[in-house]
Amino acid sequence: MVGASFDTVAEQKDFAAAEGFPYPLISDPDRAIGRAYEAERDEGEDYADYPRRITYLIDPDGMIAETYDMDGRDLEAHASEVLAAIAERS
């Protein structure tokens, strides 16, 4: 599991430490990753300074196997859904 946001490395480190994240976070201040994964919001859109919350399940070959748009979704139920999708592919 890897998380990404448009924050700087220092902001990511502080956030990860404060939240106790056990997985790496990627700093994407130039939004290149956000653009590549279609997580960048349009200028003028609500929360344009933040990436969309999207989960990608990447298969062992590096291909996107599943995409989950998290807009309005229950995070706890989502985790179970992703774990079930991983188990199904294992």
N, C-alpha and C. Protein backbone atom coordinates (compact mmCIF):
# COMPACT_ATOMS: atom_id res chain seq x y z
N MET A 1 0.85 -1.16 0.00
CA MET A 1 0.00 0.00 0.00
C MET A 1 0.90 1.22 0.00
N VAL A 2 0.52 2.20 -0.82
CA VAL A 2 1.23 3.46 -0.93
C VAL A 2 0.19 4.56 -1.04
N GLY A 3 0.41 5.66 -0.35
CA GLY A 3 -0.47 6.82 -0.46
C GLY A 3 0.26 7.93 -1.16
N ALA A 4 -0.48 8.80 -1.83
CA ALA A 4 0.13 9.95 -2.52
C ALA A 4 -0.74 11.17 -2.31
N SER A 5 -0.09 12.32 -2.21
CA SER A 5 -0.80 13.59 -2.16
C SER A 5 0.09 14.67 -2.76
N PHE A 6 -0.47 15.86 -2.87
CA PHE A 6 0.27 16.97 -3.45
C PHE A 6 1.13 17.70 -2.43
N ASP A 7 1.22 17.16 -1.22
CA ASP A 7 2.01 17.78 -0.16
C ASP A 7 3.51 17.60 -0.40
N THR A 8 4.31 18.44 0.29
CA THR A 8 5.76 18.31 0.21
C THR A 8 6.21 17.09 1.02
N VAL A 9 7.46 16.72 0.85
CA VAL A 9 8.02 15.60 1.61
C VAL A 9 7.91 15.87 3.11
N ALA A 10 8.27 17.08 3.53
CA ALA A 10 8.20 17.43 4.96
C ALA A 10 6.77 17.33 5.48
N GLU A 11 5.81 17.84 4.71
CA GLU A 11 4.40 17.74 5.12
C GLU A 11 3.94 16.29 5.21
N GLN A 12 4.39 15.47 4.25
CA GLN A 12 4.04 14.05 4.26
C GLN A 12 4.61 13.35 5.50
N LYS A 13 5.87 13.64 5.81
CA LYS A 13 6.50 13.03 6.99
C LYS A 13 5.76 13.41 8.26
N ASP A 14 5.42 14.68 8.40
CA ASP A 14 4.69 15.14 9.59
C ASP A 14 3.33 14.47 9.68
N PHE A 15 2.63 14.40 8.56
CA PHE A 15 1.30 13.80 8.52
C PHE A 15 1.37 12.31 8.86
N ALA A 16 2.31 11.60 8.26
CA ALA A 16 2.46 10.17 8.51
C ALA A 16 2.78 9.91 9.98
N ALA A 17 3.65 10.74 10.55
CA ALA A 17 4.01 10.57 11.97
C ALA A 17 2.80 10.84 12.86
N ALA A 18 2.06 11.90 12.57
CA ALA A 18 0.90 12.27 13.39
C ALA A 18 -0.20 11.21 13.32
N GLU A 19 -0.37 10.61 12.15
CA GLU A 19 -1.44 9.63 11.95
C GLU A 19 -0.98 8.19 12.21
N GLY A 20 0.33 7.99 12.35
CA GLY A 20 0.86 6.65 12.60
C GLY A 20 0.73 5.73 11.40
N PHE A 21 0.88 6.28 10.20
CA PHE A 21 0.74 5.46 8.99
C PHE A 21 1.86 4.44 8.90
N PRO A 22 1.54 3.17 8.70
CA PRO A 22 2.55 2.12 8.59
C PRO A 22 3.02 1.89 7.15
N TYR A 23 2.59 2.73 6.23
CA TYR A 23 2.95 2.54 4.81
C TYR A 23 3.52 3.85 4.25
N PRO A 24 4.25 3.76 3.15
CA PRO A 24 4.88 4.95 2.59
C PRO A 24 3.88 5.91 1.94
N LEU A 25 4.23 7.18 2.00
CA LEU A 25 3.47 8.23 1.33
C LEU A 25 4.36 8.88 0.29
N ILE A 26 3.79 9.16 -0.86
CA ILE A 26 4.53 9.79 -1.95
C ILE A 26 4.18 11.27 -1.99
N SER A 27 5.20 12.10 -2.08
CA SER A 27 5.02 13.53 -2.22
C SER A 27 4.93 13.86 -3.72
N ASP A 28 3.86 14.52 -4.13
CA ASP A 28 3.63 14.83 -5.54
C ASP A 28 3.27 16.31 -5.72
N PRO A 29 4.15 17.23 -5.26
CA PRO A 29 3.79 18.64 -5.33
C PRO A 29 3.64 19.19 -6.75
N ASP A 30 4.27 18.55 -7.73
CA ASP A 30 4.09 19.03 -9.11
C ASP A 30 2.90 18.35 -9.80
N ARG A 31 2.25 17.45 -9.08
CA ARG A 31 1.01 16.77 -9.50
C ARG A 31 1.17 15.84 -10.70
N ALA A 32 2.38 15.44 -11.00
CA ALA A 32 2.62 14.54 -12.13
C ALA A 32 1.94 13.18 -11.93
N ILE A 33 2.06 12.64 -10.73
CA ILE A 33 1.42 11.35 -10.43
C ILE A 33 -0.10 11.52 -10.45
N GLY A 34 -0.57 12.60 -9.83
CA GLY A 34 -2.01 12.88 -9.83
C GLY A 34 -2.58 12.98 -11.22
N ARG A 35 -1.85 13.63 -12.12
CA ARG A 35 -2.30 13.73 -13.52
C ARG A 35 -2.30 12.37 -14.19
N ALA A 36 -1.23 11.61 -13.99
CA ALA A 36 -1.10 10.30 -14.63
C ALA A 36 -2.20 9.34 -14.20
N TYR A 37 -2.62 9.46 -12.93
CA TYR A 37 -3.65 8.55 -12.40
C TYR A 37 -5.03 9.21 -12.33
N GLU A 38 -5.18 10.33 -13.04
CA GLU A 38 -6.46 11.03 -13.15
C GLU A 38 -7.05 11.40 -11.79
N ALA A 39 -6.18 11.80 -10.88
CA ALA A 39 -6.61 12.20 -9.54
C ALA A 39 -6.57 13.72 -9.36
N GLU A 40 -6.05 14.43 -10.34
CA GLU A 40 -5.97 15.88 -10.25
C GLU A 40 -7.36 16.48 -10.55
N ARG A 41 -7.75 17.44 -9.74
CA ARG A 41 -9.04 18.11 -9.95
C ARG A 41 -8.85 19.28 -10.91
N ASP A 42 -9.92 19.67 -11.57
CA ASP A 42 -9.87 20.81 -12.48
C ASP A 42 -9.75 22.11 -11.70
N GLU A 43 -9.05 23.08 -12.27
CA GLU A 43 -8.91 24.39 -11.66
C GLU A 43 -10.31 24.98 -11.46
N GLY A 44 -10.55 25.55 -10.29
CA GLY A 44 -11.85 26.12 -9.99
C GLY A 44 -12.83 25.14 -9.36
N GLU A 45 -12.52 23.86 -9.43
CA GLU A 45 -13.36 22.82 -8.82
C GLU A 45 -13.19 22.88 -7.30
N ASP A 46 -14.22 22.49 -6.56
CA ASP A 46 -14.09 22.40 -5.11
C ASP A 46 -12.89 21.52 -4.77
N TYR A 47 -12.13 21.95 -3.79
CA TYR A 47 -10.95 21.21 -3.31
C TYR A 47 -9.89 21.00 -4.39
N ALA A 48 -9.77 21.96 -5.30
CA ALA A 48 -8.83 21.85 -6.42
C ALA A 48 -7.38 21.68 -5.97
N ASP A 49 -7.06 22.07 -4.74
CA ASP A 49 -5.70 21.93 -4.24
C ASP A 49 -5.40 20.51 -3.75
N TYR A 50 -6.41 19.66 -3.74
CA TYR A 50 -6.26 18.30 -3.23
C TYR A 50 -6.57 17.28 -4.32
N PRO A 51 -5.86 16.15 -4.31
CA PRO A 51 -6.19 15.10 -5.29
C PRO A 51 -7.52 14.43 -4.95
N ARG A 52 -8.13 13.86 -5.96
CA ARG A 52 -9.33 13.05 -5.73
C ARG A 52 -8.90 11.84 -4.90
N ARG A 53 -9.80 11.31 -4.12
CA ARG A 53 -9.51 10.09 -3.36
C ARG A 53 -9.89 8.90 -4.23
N ILE A 54 -8.88 8.27 -4.75
CA ILE A 54 -9.07 7.12 -5.63
C ILE A 54 -8.16 6.01 -5.14
N THR A 55 -8.66 4.80 -5.12
CA THR A 55 -7.85 3.64 -4.79
C THR A 55 -7.65 2.85 -6.08
N TYR A 56 -6.41 2.47 -6.32
CA TYR A 56 -6.09 1.61 -7.46
C TYR A 56 -5.52 0.30 -6.92
N LEU A 57 -6.07 -0.79 -7.37
CA LEU A 57 -5.53 -2.11 -7.06
C LEU A 57 -4.64 -2.47 -8.25
N ILE A 58 -3.36 -2.58 -7.99
CA ILE A 58 -2.36 -2.85 -9.04
C ILE A 58 -2.00 -4.33 -9.00
N ASP A 59 -2.04 -4.98 -10.14
CA ASP A 59 -1.72 -6.42 -10.17
C ASP A 59 -0.21 -6.64 -10.20
N PRO A 60 0.24 -7.88 -10.06
CA PRO A 60 1.69 -8.16 -10.01
C PRO A 60 2.45 -7.72 -11.27
N ASP A 61 1.75 -7.54 -12.38
CA ASP A 61 2.39 -7.08 -13.62
C ASP A 61 2.44 -5.56 -13.72
N GLY A 62 1.94 -4.89 -12.66
CA GLY A 62 1.96 -3.43 -12.66
C GLY A 62 0.79 -2.79 -13.37
N MET A 63 -0.22 -3.56 -13.70
CA MET A 63 -1.40 -3.04 -14.39
C MET A 63 -2.51 -2.74 -13.37
N ILE A 64 -3.32 -1.74 -13.67
CA ILE A 64 -4.45 -1.42 -12.80
C ILE A 64 -5.52 -2.48 -12.99
N ALA A 65 -5.81 -3.21 -11.90
CA ALA A 65 -6.80 -4.28 -11.95
C ALA A 65 -8.19 -3.77 -11.55
N GLU A 66 -8.24 -2.82 -10.63
CA GLU A 66 -9.50 -2.25 -10.15
C GLU A 66 -9.27 -0.78 -9.82
N THR A 67 -10.30 0.02 -10.02
CA THR A 67 -10.28 1.44 -9.66
C THR A 67 -11.49 1.72 -8.79
N TYR A 68 -11.27 2.40 -7.68
CA TYR A 68 -12.34 2.73 -6.75
C TYR A 68 -12.35 4.24 -6.52
N ASP A 69 -13.35 4.93 -7.01
CA ASP A 69 -13.51 6.36 -6.75
C ASP A 69 -14.11 6.49 -5.36
N MET A 70 -13.41 7.14 -4.47
CA MET A 70 -13.81 7.17 -3.07
C MET A 70 -14.79 8.30 -2.73
N ASP A 71 -15.21 9.08 -3.69
CA ASP A 71 -16.13 10.18 -3.43
C ASP A 71 -17.41 9.67 -2.78
N GLY A 72 -17.60 10.04 -1.53
CA GLY A 72 -18.80 9.67 -0.80
C GLY A 72 -18.87 8.23 -0.32
N ARG A 73 -17.79 7.48 -0.42
CA ARG A 73 -17.81 6.07 -0.01
C ARG A 73 -17.41 5.92 1.45
N ASP A 74 -17.90 4.87 2.06
CA ASP A 74 -17.57 4.52 3.44
C ASP A 74 -16.19 3.88 3.44
N LEU A 75 -15.23 4.48 4.14
CA LEU A 75 -13.85 4.00 4.11
C LEU A 75 -13.70 2.61 4.73
N GLU A 76 -14.42 2.32 5.80
CA GLU A 76 -14.30 1.01 6.44
C GLU A 76 -14.84 -0.09 5.51
N ALA A 77 -15.97 0.15 4.89
CA ALA A 77 -16.52 -0.83 3.95
C ALA A 77 -15.60 -0.97 2.74
N HIS A 78 -14.99 0.11 2.34
CA HIS A 78 -14.09 0.08 1.19
C HIS A 78 -12.88 -0.82 1.44
N ALA A 79 -12.32 -0.71 2.63
CA ALA A 79 -11.16 -1.56 2.96
C ALA A 79 -11.52 -3.03 2.83
N SER A 80 -12.70 -3.41 3.30
CA SER A 80 -13.14 -4.80 3.19
C SER A 80 -13.32 -5.20 1.74
N GLU A 81 -13.84 -4.29 0.94
CA GLU A 81 -14.05 -4.55 -0.49
C GLU A 81 -12.72 -4.80 -1.21
N VAL A 82 -11.74 -3.97 -0.91
CA VAL A 82 -10.42 -4.13 -1.55
C VAL A 82 -9.74 -5.42 -1.08
N LEU A 83 -9.83 -5.71 0.21
CA LEU A 83 -9.23 -6.95 0.71
C LEU A 83 -9.89 -8.18 0.07
N ALA A 84 -11.20 -8.11 -0.15
CA ALA A 84 -11.90 -9.22 -0.81
C ALA A 84 -11.43 -9.35 -2.26
N ALA A 85 -11.22 -8.22 -2.94
CA ALA A 85 -10.74 -8.27 -4.32
C ALA A 85 -9.34 -8.85 -4.39
N ILE A 86 -8.50 -8.53 -3.42
CA ILE A 86 -7.14 -9.10 -3.36
C ILE A 86 -7.22 -10.60 -3.13
N ALA A 87 -8.04 -11.02 -2.19
CA ALA A 87 -8.20 -12.46 -1.88
C ALA A 87 -8.72 -13.23 -3.09
N GLU A 88 -9.62 -12.61 -3.83
CA GLU A 88 -10.19 -13.23 -5.02
C GLU A 88 -9.12 -13.48 -6.09
N ARG A 89 -8.14 -12.58 -6.15
CA ARG A 89 -7.09 -12.68 -7.16
C ARG A 89 -5.91 -13.55 -6.70
N SER A 90 -5.90 -13.92 -5.43
CA SER A 90 -4.76 -14.67 -4.88
C SER A 90 -4.91 -16.16 -5.06
